[in-house]
Amino acid sequence: MDEANRDKPRLLAGGNPQIPKGHGDAPVQAYIDAMPGWKSALGRRIDALITEAVPGVRKAVKWNSPLYGMEEQHWFLGIHCMTRYVKVAFFRGAELDPVPPGKSKQQHVRYLDIHEDDAFDEAQFTRWVKQASRLPGEKM
């Protein structure tokens, strides 16, 4: 590994950064900084929208994905880099109004997949985040 890449996190399948498990803002920001290309700017915007919409939100990185929650070890949302998009998982998304568009094999989970050229509806995303933060989080 050359000197320039020595301190950069390894990118896993789909370009998902490999970030050590940790609680708080620092590991989440390390993940966002390591997101490849356009995904990093999107990650910063998503994080800012969540932080603005939900004062006191808890953050962590587990399973190489940032998680957001309201109480210890209970999470309402997660982010994951895929090859061509960023996947936002609402862990109780089936209870949101309107329901996010991406279906899951898990009964309660719904996804929002954001591609580079998509029009990202920040207002709708913020409404979902506020609703999700008021629901019981998933223990992980």
Protein backbone atom coordinates (compact mmCIF):
# COMPACT_ATOMS: atom_id res chain seq x y z
CA MET A 1 0.00 0.00 0.00
CA ASP A 2 1.44 3.38 -0.93
CA GLU A 3 1.93 6.19 1.58
CA ALA A 4 -1.12 8.20 0.39
CA ASN A 5 -3.53 5.31 0.96
CA ARG A 6 -2.04 3.95 4.20
CA ASP A 7 -4.44 5.81 6.52
CA LYS A 8 -7.55 5.58 4.34
CA PRO A 9 -10.20 3.04 5.30
CA ARG A 10 -10.50 0.02 3.07
CA LEU A 11 -13.53 0.04 0.77
CA LEU A 12 -15.59 -3.15 0.91
CA ALA A 13 -18.03 -4.45 -1.71
CA GLY A 14 -19.96 -1.65 -3.36
CA GLY A 15 -17.51 0.95 -2.05
CA ASN A 16 -18.75 0.72 1.54
CA PRO A 17 -16.04 2.02 3.92
CA GLN A 18 -14.68 -0.39 6.51
CA ILE A 19 -14.83 1.65 9.71
CA PRO A 20 -14.20 0.23 13.18
CA LYS A 21 -17.25 -0.12 15.39
CA GLY A 22 -17.73 2.90 17.63
CA HIS A 23 -20.24 5.20 19.30
CA GLY A 24 -20.60 8.94 18.84
CA ASP A 25 -20.11 11.42 16.04
CA ALA A 26 -16.41 10.69 15.33
CA PRO A 27 -16.82 7.21 13.79
CA VAL A 28 -19.83 8.42 11.77
CA GLN A 29 -17.79 11.33 10.40
CA ALA A 30 -14.90 8.94 9.59
CA TYR A 31 -17.35 6.79 7.62
CA ILE A 32 -18.77 9.82 5.77
CA ASP A 33 -15.27 11.10 4.96
CA ALA A 34 -14.37 7.68 3.52
CA MET A 35 -17.49 7.37 1.34
CA PRO A 36 -16.25 7.33 -2.28
CA GLY A 37 -16.87 10.16 -4.73
CA TRP A 38 -20.25 11.95 -4.71
CA LYS A 39 -21.48 9.71 -1.90
CA SER A 40 -19.41 11.59 0.70
CA ALA A 41 -21.16 14.91 0.03
CA LEU A 42 -24.52 13.12 0.15
CA GLY A 43 -23.51 11.46 3.43
CA ARG A 44 -22.63 14.85 4.93
CA ARG A 45 -26.02 16.25 3.85
CA ILE A 46 -27.94 13.24 5.21
CA ASP A 47 -26.07 13.50 8.53
CA ALA A 48 -26.76 17.25 8.74
CA LEU A 49 -30.47 16.79 8.00
CA ILE A 50 -30.78 14.09 10.67
CA THR A 51 -28.84 16.14 13.23
CA GLU A 52 -30.97 19.24 12.54
CA ALA A 53 -34.27 17.33 12.59
CA VAL A 54 -33.58 15.32 15.75
CA PRO A 55 -31.80 17.25 18.51
CA GLY A 56 -29.86 14.88 20.74
CA VAL A 57 -29.73 12.06 18.17
CA ARG A 58 -27.29 9.28 19.08
CA LYS A 59 -24.83 8.05 16.48
CA ALA A 60 -22.71 4.95 16.03
CA VAL A 61 -21.03 2.81 13.41
CA LYS A 62 -21.79 -0.91 13.51
CA TRP A 63 -21.40 -3.46 10.72
CA ASN A 64 -19.65 -0.76 8.65
CA SER A 65 -22.79 1.39 8.60
CA PRO A 66 -23.66 4.61 10.44
CA LEU A 67 -26.69 4.23 12.71
CA TYR A 68 -28.91 6.91 14.24
CA GLY A 69 -31.09 6.47 17.33
CA MET A 70 -32.72 8.08 20.32
CA GLU A 71 -31.75 5.73 23.14
CA GLU A 72 -28.83 3.47 23.97
CA GLN A 73 -28.46 0.63 21.43
CA HIS A 74 -31.83 1.35 19.74
CA TRP A 75 -31.68 2.66 16.18
CA PHE A 76 -34.25 4.13 13.80
CA LEU A 77 -32.09 4.61 10.68
CA GLY A 78 -28.94 3.31 9.03
CA ILE A 79 -26.88 4.22 5.96
CA HIS A 80 -24.91 1.93 3.66
CA CYS A 81 -22.91 2.55 0.46
CA MET A 82 -23.83 0.39 -2.50
CA THR A 83 -22.06 0.36 -5.88
CA ARG A 84 -24.36 2.88 -7.60
CA TYR A 85 -26.31 4.44 -4.72
CA VAL A 86 -26.56 5.14 -1.01
CA LYS A 87 -29.14 3.01 0.81
CA VAL A 88 -30.97 4.56 3.75
CA ALA A 89 -32.75 2.00 5.92
CA PHE A 90 -35.68 3.09 8.06
CA PHE A 91 -35.91 0.22 10.54
CA ARG A 92 -39.62 0.86 11.23
CA GLY A 93 -40.27 2.37 7.81
CA ALA A 94 -43.52 0.46 7.25
CA GLU A 95 -45.01 2.71 9.96
CA LEU A 96 -44.03 5.98 8.25
CA ASP A 97 -46.45 8.13 6.27
CA PRO A 98 -45.98 7.94 3.38
CA VAL A 99 -44.05 4.67 3.45
CA PRO A 100 -40.56 4.97 1.89
CA PRO A 101 -40.49 3.33 -1.56
CA GLY A 102 -37.96 0.53 -1.10
CA LYS A 103 -39.37 -2.76 0.19
CA SER A 104 -37.46 -5.21 2.36
CA LYS A 105 -37.58 -8.89 3.18
CA GLN A 106 -37.96 -7.70 6.79
CA GLN A 107 -41.54 -6.81 7.65
CA HIS A 108 -40.95 -3.37 9.19
CA VAL A 109 -37.89 -2.13 7.24
CA ARG A 110 -38.22 0.20 4.25
CA TYR A 111 -35.46 1.72 2.15
CA LEU A 112 -34.70 4.92 0.34
CA ASP A 113 -32.09 4.39 -2.37
CA ILE A 114 -30.41 7.62 -3.49
CA HIS A 115 -28.51 7.59 -6.80
CA GLU A 116 -26.09 10.28 -7.95
CA ASP A 117 -28.50 11.96 -10.36
CA ASP A 118 -31.65 11.55 -8.24
CA ALA A 119 -33.58 14.57 -7.07
CA PHE A 120 -33.19 14.11 -3.31
CA ASP A 121 -36.36 15.35 -1.63
CA GLU A 122 -34.83 16.76 1.56
CA ALA A 123 -38.19 17.92 2.93
CA GLN A 124 -39.73 14.43 2.65
CA PHE A 125 -36.58 12.83 4.03
CA THR A 126 -36.70 15.17 7.04
CA ARG A 127 -40.37 14.31 7.66
CA TRP A 128 -39.50 10.60 7.61
CA VAL A 129 -36.57 11.15 9.98
CA LYS A 130 -38.74 13.05 12.48
CA GLN A 131 -41.44 10.36 12.34
CA ALA A 132 -38.90 7.53 12.64
CA SER A 133 -37.21 9.15 15.64
CA ARG A 134 -40.51 9.03 17.55
CA LEU A 135 -41.01 5.29 16.98
CA PRO A 136 -39.43 2.58 19.13
CA GLY A 137 -35.91 1.92 17.85
CA GLU A 138 -34.58 -1.46 16.83
CA LYS A 139 -32.16 -2.98 19.35
CA MET A 140 -28.89 -3.84 17.64
